[in-house]
Amino acid sequence: MAVHLTPTELADEMHMKRREVISRCMEMNVPIFNGRIDKTLFLSNLRRIGEAPKVPHATA
């Protein structure tokens, strides 16, 4: 399971639009480093502000 995703990949997983993911990163000061976003950091910040989308967890 990848942790560092492109904005497009993260948007697909979060059922969001790519532009919305980038906007949220800017608002929450989540860095986009070399075109990748840390998924766990992004999710923890969304949960902290109470806006985490309902995404089913993947089973391994």
PDB file of N, CA and C in Angstrom:
ATOM      1  N   MET A   1       0.843  -1.169   0.000  1.00  0.00           N
ATOM      2  CA  MET A   1       0.000   0.000   0.000  1.00  0.00           C
ATOM      3  C   MET A   1       0.899   1.247   0.000  1.00  0.00           C
ATOM      4  N   ALA A   2       0.666   2.107  -0.967  1.00  0.00           N
ATOM      5  CA  ALA A   2       1.448   3.330  -1.090  1.00  0.00           C
ATOM      6  C   ALA A   2       0.959   4.377  -0.099  1.00  0.00           C
ATOM      7  N   VAL A   3       1.895   5.125   0.451  1.00  0.00           N
ATOM      8  CA  VAL A   3       1.559   6.182   1.393  1.00  0.00           C
ATOM      9  C   VAL A   3       1.687   7.552   0.738  1.00  0.00           C
ATOM     10  N   HIS A   4       2.620   7.686  -0.177  1.00  0.00           N
ATOM     11  CA  HIS A   4       2.835   8.958  -0.860  1.00  0.00           C
ATOM     12  C   HIS A   4       2.217   8.874  -2.243  1.00  0.00           C
ATOM     13  N   LEU A   5       1.141   9.645  -2.441  1.00  0.00           N
ATOM     14  CA  LEU A   5       0.359   9.571  -3.674  1.00  0.00           C
ATOM     15  C   LEU A   5       0.353  10.902  -4.406  1.00  0.00           C
ATOM     16  N   THR A   6       0.122  10.832  -5.701  1.00  0.00           N
ATOM     17  CA  THR A   6      -0.060  12.058  -6.476  1.00  0.00           C
ATOM     18  C   THR A   6      -1.422  12.643  -6.108  1.00  0.00           C
ATOM     19  N   PRO A   7      -1.639  13.914  -6.373  1.00  0.00           N
ATOM     20  CA  PRO A   7      -2.958  14.494  -6.091  1.00  0.00           C
ATOM     21  C   PRO A   7      -4.094  13.743  -6.794  1.00  0.00           C
ATOM     22  N   THR A   8      -3.854  13.272  -7.999  1.00  0.00           N
ATOM     23  CA  THR A   8      -4.887  12.526  -8.733  1.00  0.00           C
ATOM     24  C   THR A   8      -5.188  11.199  -8.054  1.00  0.00           C
ATOM     25  N   GLU A   9      -4.151  10.470  -7.651  1.00  0.00           N
ATOM     26  CA  GLU A   9      -4.342   9.185  -6.979  1.00  0.00           C
ATOM     27  C   GLU A   9      -5.070   9.372  -5.655  1.00  0.00           C
ATOM     28  N   LEU A  10      -4.671  10.384  -4.908  1.00  0.00           N
ATOM     29  CA  LEU A  10      -5.313  10.647  -3.617  1.00  0.00           C
ATOM     30  C   LEU A  10      -6.767  11.064  -3.812  1.00  0.00           C
ATOM     31  N   ALA A  11      -7.027  11.872  -4.820  1.00  0.00           N
ATOM     32  CA  ALA A  11      -8.401  12.293  -5.110  1.00  0.00           C
ATOM     33  C   ALA A  11      -9.276  11.086  -5.432  1.00  0.00           C
ATOM     34  N   ASP A  12      -8.752  10.148  -6.208  1.00  0.00           N
ATOM     35  CA  ASP A  12      -9.510   8.941  -6.543  1.00  0.00           C
ATOM     36  C   ASP A  12      -9.828   8.127  -5.295  1.00  0.00           C
ATOM     37  N   GLU A  13      -8.859   7.979  -4.404  1.00  0.00           N
ATOM     38  CA  GLU A  13      -9.074   7.210  -3.173  1.00  0.00           C
ATOM     39  C   GLU A  13     -10.033   7.898  -2.214  1.00  0.00           C
ATOM     40  N   MET A  14     -10.002   9.225  -2.176  1.00  0.00           N
ATOM     41  CA  MET A  14     -10.832   9.981  -1.242  1.00  0.00           C
ATOM     42  C   MET A  14     -12.186  10.372  -1.828  1.00  0.00           C
ATOM     43  N   HIS A  15     -12.430   9.998  -3.078  1.00  0.00           N
ATOM     44  CA  HIS A  15     -13.666  10.371  -3.764  1.00  0.00           C
ATOM     45  C   HIS A  15     -13.839  11.889  -3.774  1.00  0.00           C
ATOM     46  N   MET A  16     -12.739  12.558  -4.115  1.00  0.00           N
ATOM     47  CA  MET A  16     -12.713  14.013  -4.213  1.00  0.00           C
ATOM     48  C   MET A  16     -12.189  14.376  -5.596  1.00  0.00           C
ATOM     49  N   LYS A  17     -12.236  15.642  -5.907  1.00  0.00           N
ATOM     50  CA  LYS A  17     -11.640  16.125  -7.144  1.00  0.00           C
ATOM     51  C   LYS A  17     -10.193  16.499  -6.872  1.00  0.00           C
ATOM     52  N   ARG A  18      -9.353  16.382  -7.899  1.00  0.00           N
ATOM     53  CA  ARG A  18      -7.930  16.674  -7.774  1.00  0.00           C
ATOM     54  C   ARG A  18      -7.699  18.089  -7.248  1.00  0.00           C
ATOM     55  N   ARG A  19      -8.420  19.038  -7.807  1.00  0.00           N
ATOM     56  CA  ARG A  19      -8.269  20.431  -7.404  1.00  0.00           C
ATOM     57  C   ARG A  19      -8.649  20.622  -5.930  1.00  0.00           C
ATOM     58  N   GLU A  20      -9.649  19.887  -5.456  1.00  0.00           N
ATOM     59  CA  GLU A  20     -10.066  19.981  -4.057  1.00  0.00           C
ATOM     60  C   GLU A  20      -8.976  19.438  -3.126  1.00  0.00           C
ATOM     61  N   VAL A  21      -8.324  18.345  -3.534  1.00  0.00           N
ATOM     62  CA  VAL A  21      -7.229  17.781  -2.740  1.00  0.00           C
ATOM     63  C   VAL A  21      -6.109  18.806  -2.605  1.00  0.00           C
ATOM     64  N   ILE A  22      -5.742  19.429  -3.707  1.00  0.00           N
ATOM     65  CA  ILE A  22      -4.672  20.431  -3.671  1.00  0.00           C
ATOM     66  C   ILE A  22      -5.067  21.623  -2.804  1.00  0.00           C
ATOM     67  N   SER A  23      -6.319  22.067  -2.919  1.00  0.00           N
ATOM     68  CA  SER A  23      -6.799  23.184  -2.095  1.00  0.00           C
ATOM     69  C   SER A  23      -6.748  22.841  -0.615  1.00  0.00           C
ATOM     70  N   ARG A  24      -7.172  21.628  -0.282  1.00  0.00           N
ATOM     71  CA  ARG A  24      -7.148  21.198   1.121  1.00  0.00           C
ATOM     72  C   ARG A  24      -5.720  21.148   1.649  1.00  0.00           C
ATOM     73  N   CYS A  25      -4.801  20.683   0.819  1.00  0.00           N
ATOM     74  CA  CYS A  25      -3.394  20.653   1.235  1.00  0.00           C
ATOM     75  C   CYS A  25      -2.910  22.056   1.558  1.00  0.00           C
ATOM     76  N   MET A  26      -3.266  23.002   0.715  1.00  0.00           N
ATOM     77  CA  MET A  26      -2.854  24.385   0.937  1.00  0.00           C
ATOM     78  C   MET A  26      -3.471  24.927   2.236  1.00  0.00           C
ATOM     79  N   GLU A  27      -4.752  24.654   2.459  1.00  0.00           N
ATOM     80  CA  GLU A  27      -5.442  25.139   3.657  1.00  0.00           C
ATOM     81  C   GLU A  27      -4.866  24.531   4.933  1.00  0.00           C
ATOM     82  N   MET A  28      -4.537  23.235   4.882  1.00  0.00           N
ATOM     83  CA  MET A  28      -4.106  22.518   6.079  1.00  0.00           C
ATOM     84  C   MET A  28      -2.584  22.463   6.221  1.00  0.00           C
ATOM     85  N   ASN A  29      -1.863  23.151   5.322  1.00  0.00           N
ATOM     86  CA  ASN A  29      -0.398  23.155   5.340  1.00  0.00           C
ATOM     87  C   ASN A  29       0.194  21.756   5.225  1.00  0.00           C
ATOM     88  N   VAL A  30      -0.444  20.911   4.411  1.00  0.00           N
ATOM     89  CA  VAL A  30       0.094  19.589   4.114  1.00  0.00           C
ATOM     90  C   VAL A  30       0.993  19.747   2.892  1.00  0.00           C
ATOM     91  N   PRO A  31       2.265  19.388   3.016  1.00  0.00           N
ATOM     92  CA  PRO A  31       3.184  19.611   1.903  1.00  0.00           C
ATOM     93  C   PRO A  31       2.934  18.666   0.727  1.00  0.00           C
ATOM     94  N   ILE A  32       3.162  19.187  -0.457  1.00  0.00           N
ATOM     95  CA  ILE A  32       3.185  18.378  -1.671  1.00  0.00           C
ATOM     96  C   ILE A  32       4.644  18.389  -2.102  1.00  0.00           C
ATOM     97  N   PHE A  33       5.331  17.282  -1.866  1.00  0.00           N
ATOM     98  CA  PHE A  33       6.766  17.200  -2.096  1.00  0.00           C
ATOM     99  C   PHE A  33       7.044  16.311  -3.299  1.00  0.00           C
ATOM    100  N   ASN A  34       7.724  16.874  -4.282  1.00  0.00           N
ATOM    101  CA  ASN A  34       8.011  16.160  -5.534  1.00  0.00           C
ATOM    102  C   ASN A  34       6.744  15.586  -6.165  1.00  0.00           C
ATOM    103  N   GLY A  35       5.656  16.330  -6.076  1.00  0.00           N
ATOM    104  CA  GLY A  35       4.402  15.918  -6.699  1.00  0.00           C
ATOM    105  C   GLY A  35       3.653  14.832  -5.953  1.00  0.00           C
ATOM    106  N   ARG A  36       4.030  14.575  -4.710  1.00  0.00           N
ATOM    107  CA  ARG A  36       3.397  13.524  -3.910  1.00  0.00           C
ATOM    108  C   ARG A  36       2.905  14.090  -2.582  1.00  0.00           C
ATOM    109  N   ILE A  37       1.825  13.493  -2.085  1.00  0.00           N
ATOM    110  CA  ILE A  37       1.220  13.912  -0.818  1.00  0.00           C
ATOM    111  C   ILE A  37       1.225  12.710   0.123  1.00  0.00           C
ATOM    112  N   ASP A  38       1.584  12.928   1.373  1.00  0.00           N
ATOM    113  CA  ASP A  38       1.533  11.872   2.382  1.00  0.00           C
ATOM    114  C   ASP A  38       0.062  11.638   2.745  1.00  0.00           C
ATOM    115  N   LYS A  39      -0.440  10.475   2.368  1.00  0.00           N
ATOM    116  CA  LYS A  39      -1.857  10.155   2.571  1.00  0.00           C
ATOM    117  C   LYS A  39      -2.236  10.178   4.051  1.00  0.00           C
ATOM    118  N   THR A  40      -1.384   9.631   4.929  1.00  0.00           N
ATOM    119  CA  THR A  40      -1.718   9.591   6.353  1.00  0.00           C
ATOM    120  C   THR A  40      -1.763  10.988   6.955  1.00  0.00           C
ATOM    121  N   LEU A  41      -0.855  11.856   6.538  1.00  0.00           N
ATOM    122  CA  LEU A  41      -0.861  13.240   7.026  1.00  0.00           C
ATOM    123  C   LEU A  41      -2.111  13.970   6.537  1.00  0.00           C
ATOM    124  N   PHE A  42      -2.461  13.775   5.276  1.00  0.00           N
ATOM    125  CA  PHE A  42      -3.655  14.393   4.703  1.00  0.00           C
ATOM    126  C   PHE A  42      -4.906  13.931   5.458  1.00  0.00           C
ATOM    127  N   LEU A  43      -5.045  12.622   5.656  1.00  0.00           N
ATOM    128  CA  LEU A  43      -6.219  12.086   6.356  1.00  0.00           C
ATOM    129  C   LEU A  43      -6.292  12.539   7.807  1.00  0.00           C
ATOM    130  N   SER A  44      -5.153  12.544   8.495  1.00  0.00           N
ATOM    131  CA  SER A  44      -5.187  12.955   9.900  1.00  0.00           C
ATOM    132  C   SER A  44      -5.601  14.415  10.037  1.00  0.00           C
ATOM    133  N   ASN A  45      -5.176  15.253   9.104  1.00  0.00           N
ATOM    134  CA  ASN A  45      -5.592  16.658   9.136  1.00  0.00           C
ATOM    135  C   ASN A  45      -7.066  16.806   8.799  1.00  0.00           C
ATOM    136  N   LEU A  46      -7.576  16.029   7.860  1.00  0.00           N
ATOM    137  CA  LEU A  46      -9.007  16.077   7.559  1.00  0.00           C
ATOM    138  C   LEU A  46      -9.826  15.649   8.771  1.00  0.00           C
ATOM    139  N   ARG A  47      -9.388  14.589   9.438  1.00  0.00           N
ATOM    140  CA  ARG A  47     -10.111  14.114  10.628  1.00  0.00           C
ATOM    141  C   ARG A  47     -10.082  15.157  11.735  1.00  0.00           C
ATOM    142  N   ARG A  48      -8.929  15.819  11.874  1.00  0.00           N
ATOM    143  CA  ARG A  48      -8.772  16.830  12.928  1.00  0.00           C
ATOM    144  C   ARG A  48      -9.768  17.963  12.759  1.00  0.00           C
ATOM    145  N   ILE A  49     -10.022  18.348  11.513  1.00  0.00           N
ATOM    146  CA  ILE A  49     -10.971  19.433  11.293  1.00  0.00           C
ATOM    147  C   ILE A  49     -12.387  18.906  11.064  1.00  0.00           C
ATOM    148  N   GLY A  50     -12.550  17.580  11.155  1.00  0.00           N
ATOM    149  CA  GLY A  50     -13.875  16.976  11.086  1.00  0.00           C
ATOM    150  C   GLY A  50     -14.466  16.887   9.703  1.00  0.00           C
ATOM    151  N   GLU A  51     -13.632  16.787   8.680  1.00  0.00           N
ATOM    152  CA  GLU A  51     -14.143  16.724   7.313  1.00  0.00           C
ATOM    153  C   GLU A  51     -13.708  15.470   6.574  1.00  0.00           C
ATOM    154  N   ALA A  52     -13.348  14.423   7.287  1.00  0.00           N
ATOM    155  CA  ALA A  52     -12.888  13.207   6.624  1.00  0.00           C
ATOM    156  C   ALA A  52     -14.026  12.545   5.867  1.00  0.00           C
ATOM    157  N   PRO A  53     -13.844  12.256   4.598  1.00  0.00           N
ATOM    158  CA  PRO A  53     -14.884  11.565   3.836  1.00  0.00           C
ATOM    159  C   PRO A  53     -15.006  10.129   4.315  1.00  0.00           C
ATOM    160  N   LYS A  54     -16.165   9.549   4.136  1.00  0.00           N
ATOM    161  CA  LYS A  54     -16.404   8.164   4.516  1.00  0.00           C
ATOM    162  C   LYS A  54     -15.857   7.262   3.422  1.00  0.00           C
ATOM    163  N   VAL A  55     -14.662   6.719   3.666  1.00  0.00           N
ATOM    164  CA  VAL A  55     -14.004   5.856   2.695  1.00  0.00           C
ATOM    165  C   VAL A  55     -13.837   4.479   3.319  1.00  0.00           C
ATOM    166  N   PRO A  56     -14.318   3.433   2.644  1.00  0.00           N
ATOM    167  CA  PRO A  56     -14.141   2.106   3.212  1.00  0.00           C
ATOM    168  C   PRO A  56     -12.662   1.727   3.260  1.00  0.00           C
ATOM    169  N   HIS A  57     -12.267   1.029   4.310  1.00  0.00           N
ATOM    170  CA  HIS A  57     -10.876   0.627   4.463  1.00  0.00           C
ATOM    171  C   HIS A  57     -10.597  -0.583   3.582  1.00  0.00           C
ATOM    172  N   ALA A  58      -9.442  -0.589   2.975  1.00  0.00           N
ATOM    173  CA  ALA A  58      -9.033  -1.712   2.128  1.00  0.00           C
ATOM    174  C   ALA A  58      -8.625  -2.875   3.037  1.00  0.00           C
ATOM    175  N   THR A  59      -8.984  -4.069   2.647  1.00  0.00           N
ATOM    176  CA  THR A  59      -8.601  -5.239   3.411  1.00  0.00           C
ATOM    177  C   THR A  59      -7.455  -5.924   2.702  1.00  0.00           C
ATOM    178  N   ALA A  60      -6.515  -6.391   3.474  1.00  0.00           N
ATOM    179  CA  ALA A  60      -5.330  -7.040   2.873  1.00  0.00           C
ATOM    180  C   ALA A  60      -5.447  -8.530   2.871  1.00  0.00           C
TER     181      ALA A  60
END
